[in-house]
Amino acid sequence: MTRILVCGVGNKLKRDDGLGPYVIEELELKNMPTGVDVADFGISGFKCALKLEGYRKVVFVDAISLPGSEPGRLHRLRINKDALMRSPKLSDFSVSMHETDLERIIATAAVLNIYPEEVVIVGCEPSDTEVGLGLSPAVKAAVPQVIDLVMQELS
């Protein structure tokens, strides 16, 4: 059986940074395919890294800030372990908006030799990551499309 983990990361107390946990809440209401687990790791990065063992594929859901992108723009990134390990600095993979440091989770899994065959990051460009509750209108409107991208990764 193929084991896939959909892992939400982010801080729900910092508006759009809570995208990952928000999407996981939505996915928990769906009938997921056999062999797919969903988990909200919030801002507990090291705990998340240790939970990657045994999965063939991990799909992270997170707010992703890339230069020149408008709020709500969708992003899907594939992180190659070999490129990660050759990188002179982890900041080459810095896409996370919060304390979890998604790039450090991925690097920790690689160093511990529990890196899945495939790692994908799905999310969208945040609009507001200040302290507060709820997603901004641009990010909330993108949630169905983020979920569609995640579901594509599961097929």
C-alpha atoms as a PDB file:
ATOM      1  CA  MET A   1       0.000   0.000   0.000  1.00  0.00           C
ATOM      2  CA  THR A   2       1.218   3.485  -0.856  1.00  0.00           C
ATOM      3  CA  ARG A   3       1.481   5.661   2.233  1.00  0.00           C
ATOM      4  CA  ILE A   4       1.037   9.384   1.765  1.00  0.00           C
ATOM      5  CA  LEU A   5       0.968  12.069   4.437  1.00  0.00           C
ATOM      6  CA  VAL A   6      -0.717  15.422   3.924  1.00  0.00           C
ATOM      7  CA  CYS A   7       0.840  17.660   6.540  1.00  0.00           C
ATOM      8  CA  GLY A   8      -0.460  21.105   7.432  1.00  0.00           C
ATOM      9  CA  VAL A   9       2.011  23.512   8.987  1.00  0.00           C
ATOM     10  CA  GLY A  10       1.487  27.072  10.106  1.00  0.00           C
ATOM     11  CA  ASN A  11       0.363  29.331  12.888  1.00  0.00           C
ATOM     12  CA  LYS A  12      -3.404  29.882  13.105  1.00  0.00           C
ATOM     13  CA  LEU A  13      -2.777  32.943  15.284  1.00  0.00           C
ATOM     14  CA  LYS A  14      -1.055  34.743  12.394  1.00  0.00           C
ATOM     15  CA  ARG A  15      -3.911  34.966   9.889  1.00  0.00           C
ATOM     16  CA  ASP A  16      -2.783  33.573   6.495  1.00  0.00           C
ATOM     17  CA  ASP A  17       0.037  31.630   8.101  1.00  0.00           C
ATOM     18  CA  GLY A  18      -2.753  29.359   9.344  1.00  0.00           C
ATOM     19  CA  LEU A  19      -3.490  28.141   5.796  1.00  0.00           C
ATOM     20  CA  GLY A  20      -1.986  24.679   6.408  1.00  0.00           C
ATOM     21  CA  PRO A  21      -4.026  23.898   9.535  1.00  0.00           C
ATOM     22  CA  TYR A  22      -7.159  25.400   7.925  1.00  0.00           C
ATOM     23  CA  VAL A  23      -6.809  23.154   4.841  1.00  0.00           C
ATOM     24  CA  ILE A  24      -6.206  20.093   7.038  1.00  0.00           C
ATOM     25  CA  GLU A  25      -9.480  20.826   8.883  1.00  0.00           C
ATOM     26  CA  GLU A  26     -11.257  20.855   5.510  1.00  0.00           C
ATOM     27  CA  LEU A  27      -9.543  17.652   4.337  1.00  0.00           C
ATOM     28  CA  GLU A  28     -10.524  15.847   7.549  1.00  0.00           C
ATOM     29  CA  LEU A  29     -14.150  16.281   6.449  1.00  0.00           C
ATOM     30  CA  LYS A  30     -13.465  14.469   3.159  1.00  0.00           C
ATOM     31  CA  ASN A  31     -13.285  10.757   2.487  1.00  0.00           C
ATOM     32  CA  MET A  32      -9.556  10.391   1.857  1.00  0.00           C
ATOM     33  CA  PRO A  33      -8.146   7.572  -0.292  1.00  0.00           C
ATOM     34  CA  THR A  34      -6.824   4.438   1.436  1.00  0.00           C
ATOM     35  CA  GLY A  35      -3.236   4.887   2.607  1.00  0.00           C
ATOM     36  CA  VAL A  36      -3.505   8.671   2.987  1.00  0.00           C
ATOM     37  CA  ASP A  37      -3.095  10.268   6.404  1.00  0.00           C
ATOM     38  CA  VAL A  38      -3.716  13.933   7.184  1.00  0.00           C
ATOM     39  CA  ALA A  39      -2.151  15.754  10.119  1.00  0.00           C
ATOM     40  CA  ASP A  40      -1.946  19.299  11.435  1.00  0.00           C
ATOM     41  CA  PHE A  41       1.502  19.921  12.918  1.00  0.00           C
ATOM     42  CA  GLY A  42       0.962  23.638  13.445  1.00  0.00           C
ATOM     43  CA  ILE A  43       4.313  25.072  14.484  1.00  0.00           C
ATOM     44  CA  SER A  44       5.884  21.902  15.942  1.00  0.00           C
ATOM     45  CA  GLY A  45       8.603  21.407  13.336  1.00  0.00           C
ATOM     46  CA  PHE A  46      10.865  18.758  14.865  1.00  0.00           C
ATOM     47  CA  LYS A  47       7.874  16.595  15.805  1.00  0.00           C
ATOM     48  CA  CYS A  48       6.713  16.861  12.208  1.00  0.00           C
ATOM     49  CA  ALA A  49      10.132  15.847  10.843  1.00  0.00           C
ATOM     50  CA  LEU A  50      10.120  12.694  12.957  1.00  0.00           C
ATOM     51  CA  LYS A  51       6.630  11.723  11.720  1.00  0.00           C
ATOM     52  CA  LEU A  52       7.751  11.564   8.061  1.00  0.00           C
ATOM     53  CA  GLU A  53       9.318   8.131   8.456  1.00  0.00           C
ATOM     54  CA  GLY A  54       7.525   5.377   6.583  1.00  0.00           C
ATOM     55  CA  TYR A  55       5.764   7.611   4.084  1.00  0.00           C
ATOM     56  CA  ARG A  56       6.510   7.345   0.374  1.00  0.00           C
ATOM     57  CA  LYS A  57       5.218  10.848  -0.270  1.00  0.00           C
ATOM     58  CA  VAL A  58       4.557  13.892   1.893  1.00  0.00           C
ATOM     59  CA  VAL A  59       2.478  16.836   0.756  1.00  0.00           C
ATOM     60  CA  PHE A  60       3.023  19.876   2.968  1.00  0.00           C
ATOM     61  CA  VAL A  61       0.334  22.564   2.959  1.00  0.00           C
ATOM     62  CA  ASP A  62       1.603  25.983   3.942  1.00  0.00           C
ATOM     63  CA  ALA A  63       1.498  29.687   3.204  1.00  0.00           C
ATOM     64  CA  ILE A  64       4.244  30.199   0.629  1.00  0.00           C
ATOM     65  CA  SER A  65       5.802  33.586   0.020  1.00  0.00           C
ATOM     66  CA  LEU A  66       7.685  33.901  -3.260  1.00  0.00           C
ATOM     67  CA  PRO A  67       9.003  37.192  -4.673  1.00  0.00           C
ATOM     68  CA  GLY A  68       6.667  38.991  -7.057  1.00  0.00           C
ATOM     69  CA  SER A  69       3.589  36.884  -6.302  1.00  0.00           C
ATOM     70  CA  GLU A  70       0.175  38.377  -5.630  1.00  0.00           C
ATOM     71  CA  PRO A  71      -1.796  37.317  -2.527  1.00  0.00           C
ATOM     72  CA  GLY A  72      -3.818  34.176  -3.211  1.00  0.00           C
ATOM     73  CA  ARG A  73      -1.557  32.962  -6.022  1.00  0.00           C
ATOM     74  CA  LEU A  74      -1.200  29.175  -5.906  1.00  0.00           C
ATOM     75  CA  HIS A  75       2.173  27.498  -5.550  1.00  0.00           C
ATOM     76  CA  ARG A  76       3.237  23.870  -5.925  1.00  0.00           C
ATOM     77  CA  LEU A  77       6.904  23.070  -5.283  1.00  0.00           C
ATOM     78  CA  ARG A  78       8.711  19.732  -5.490  1.00  0.00           C
ATOM     79  CA  ILE A  79      11.721  19.499  -3.195  1.00  0.00           C
ATOM     80  CA  ASN A  80      14.467  17.206  -4.444  1.00  0.00           C
ATOM     81  CA  LYS A  81      16.501  15.543  -1.681  1.00  0.00           C
ATOM     82  CA  ASP A  82      19.732  15.507  -3.695  1.00  0.00           C
ATOM     83  CA  ALA A  83      19.463  19.222  -4.467  1.00  0.00           C
ATOM     84  CA  LEU A  84      18.643  19.914  -0.831  1.00  0.00           C
ATOM     85  CA  MET A  85      21.694  18.045   0.416  1.00  0.00           C
ATOM     86  CA  ARG A  86      23.983  19.819  -2.104  1.00  0.00           C
ATOM     87  CA  SER A  87      22.677  23.228  -1.159  1.00  0.00           C
ATOM     88  CA  PRO A  88      25.283  25.378   0.613  1.00  0.00           C
ATOM     89  CA  LYS A  89      22.572  26.906   2.779  1.00  0.00           C
ATOM     90  CA  LEU A  90      19.032  25.937   3.717  1.00  0.00           C
ATOM     91  CA  SER A  91      17.750  29.403   2.878  1.00  0.00           C
ATOM     92  CA  ASP A  92      17.791  28.319  -0.784  1.00  0.00           C
ATOM     93  CA  PHE A  93      14.618  26.432   0.123  1.00  0.00           C
ATOM     94  CA  SER A  94      13.085  29.027   2.415  1.00  0.00           C
ATOM     95  CA  VAL A  95       9.392  29.284   1.625  1.00  0.00           C
ATOM     96  CA  SER A  96       7.827  29.173   5.073  1.00  0.00           C
ATOM     97  CA  MET A  97       6.271  32.141   6.865  1.00  0.00           C
ATOM     98  CA  HIS A  98       6.471  30.866  10.440  1.00  0.00           C
ATOM     99  CA  GLU A  99       8.513  29.381  13.248  1.00  0.00           C
ATOM    100  CA  THR A 100       8.182  25.848  11.904  1.00  0.00           C
ATOM    101  CA  ASP A 101      10.804  26.556   9.243  1.00  0.00           C
ATOM    102  CA  LEU A 102       9.548  24.070   6.701  1.00  0.00           C
ATOM    103  CA  GLU A 103      12.984  23.929   5.082  1.00  0.00           C
ATOM    104  CA  ARG A 104      14.465  22.753   8.390  1.00  0.00           C
ATOM    105  CA  ILE A 105      11.824  20.033   8.724  1.00  0.00           C
ATOM    106  CA  ILE A 106      12.746  18.780   5.261  1.00  0.00           C
ATOM    107  CA  ALA A 107      16.492  19.011   5.917  1.00  0.00           C
ATOM    108  CA  THR A 108      16.132  17.247   9.286  1.00  0.00           C
ATOM    109  CA  ALA A 109      14.294  14.369   7.604  1.00  0.00           C
ATOM    110  CA  ALA A 110      17.065  14.142   4.993  1.00  0.00           C
ATOM    111  CA  VAL A 111      19.837  14.121   7.605  1.00  0.00           C
ATOM    112  CA  LEU A 112      18.005  11.482   9.681  1.00  0.00           C
ATOM    113  CA  ASN A 113      17.564   9.400   6.513  1.00  0.00           C
ATOM    114  CA  ILE A 114      13.755   9.389   6.832  1.00  0.00           C
ATOM    115  CA  TYR A 115      13.180  11.591   3.777  1.00  0.00           C
ATOM    116  CA  PRO A 116      10.218  10.387   1.692  1.00  0.00           C
ATOM    117  CA  GLU A 117      10.670   9.524  -1.990  1.00  0.00           C
ATOM    118  CA  GLU A 118       8.583  12.593  -2.880  1.00  0.00           C
ATOM    119  CA  VAL A 119       8.126  15.893  -1.071  1.00  0.00           C
ATOM    120  CA  VAL A 120       5.696  18.466  -2.417  1.00  0.00           C
ATOM    121  CA  ILE A 121       4.713  21.807  -0.919  1.00  0.00           C
ATOM    122  CA  VAL A 122       1.301  23.178  -1.866  1.00  0.00           C
ATOM    123  CA  GLY A 123      -0.048  26.526  -0.796  1.00  0.00           C
ATOM    124  CA  CYS A 124      -0.612  30.081  -1.794  1.00  0.00           C
ATOM    125  CA  GLU A 125       0.823  33.531  -1.390  1.00  0.00           C
ATOM    126  CA  PRO A 126      -0.279  35.128   1.884  1.00  0.00           C
ATOM    127  CA  SER A 127      -1.751  38.599   2.151  1.00  0.00           C
ATOM    128  CA  ASP A 128      -1.684  39.149   5.919  1.00  0.00           C
ATOM    129  CA  THR A 129       0.527  37.328   8.439  1.00  0.00           C
ATOM    130  CA  GLU A 130       0.058  39.739  11.325  1.00  0.00           C
ATOM    131  CA  VAL A 131      -1.281  38.490  14.647  1.00  0.00           C
ATOM    132  CA  GLY A 132      -4.980  37.746  14.289  1.00  0.00           C
ATOM    133  CA  LEU A 133      -7.486  35.020  13.545  1.00  0.00           C
ATOM    134  CA  GLY A 134      -8.921  33.962  10.193  1.00  0.00           C
ATOM    135  CA  LEU A 135      -7.635  33.949   6.646  1.00  0.00           C
ATOM    136  CA  SER A 136      -7.567  37.075   4.509  1.00  0.00           C
ATOM    137  CA  PRO A 137     -10.179  37.228   1.710  1.00  0.00           C
ATOM    138  CA  ALA A 138      -7.578  36.473  -1.003  1.00  0.00           C
ATOM    139  CA  VAL A 139      -6.274  33.368   0.765  1.00  0.00           C
ATOM    140  CA  LYS A 140      -9.711  32.154   1.871  1.00  0.00           C
ATOM    141  CA  ALA A 141     -10.863  32.378  -1.754  1.00  0.00           C
ATOM    142  CA  ALA A 142      -7.865  30.238  -2.822  1.00  0.00           C
ATOM    143  CA  VAL A 143      -8.569  27.414  -0.315  1.00  0.00           C
ATOM    144  CA  PRO A 144     -10.729  25.303  -2.714  1.00  0.00           C
ATOM    145  CA  GLN A 145      -7.957  25.479  -5.327  1.00  0.00           C
ATOM    146  CA  VAL A 146      -5.313  24.552  -2.746  1.00  0.00           C
ATOM    147  CA  ILE A 147      -7.439  21.539  -1.807  1.00  0.00           C
ATOM    148  CA  ASP A 148      -7.746  20.626  -5.508  1.00  0.00           C
ATOM    149  CA  LEU A 149      -3.933  20.715  -5.856  1.00  0.00           C
ATOM    150  CA  VAL A 150      -3.553  18.491  -2.798  1.00  0.00           C
ATOM    151  CA  MET A 151      -6.103  16.009  -4.155  1.00  0.00           C
ATOM    152  CA  GLN A 152      -4.250  15.938  -7.511  1.00  0.00           C
ATOM    153  CA  GLU A 153      -1.120  14.932  -5.608  1.00  0.00           C
ATOM    154  CA  LEU A 154      -2.981  11.984  -4.096  1.00  0.00           C
ATOM    155  CA  SER A 155      -4.050  10.479  -7.409  1.00  0.00           C
END
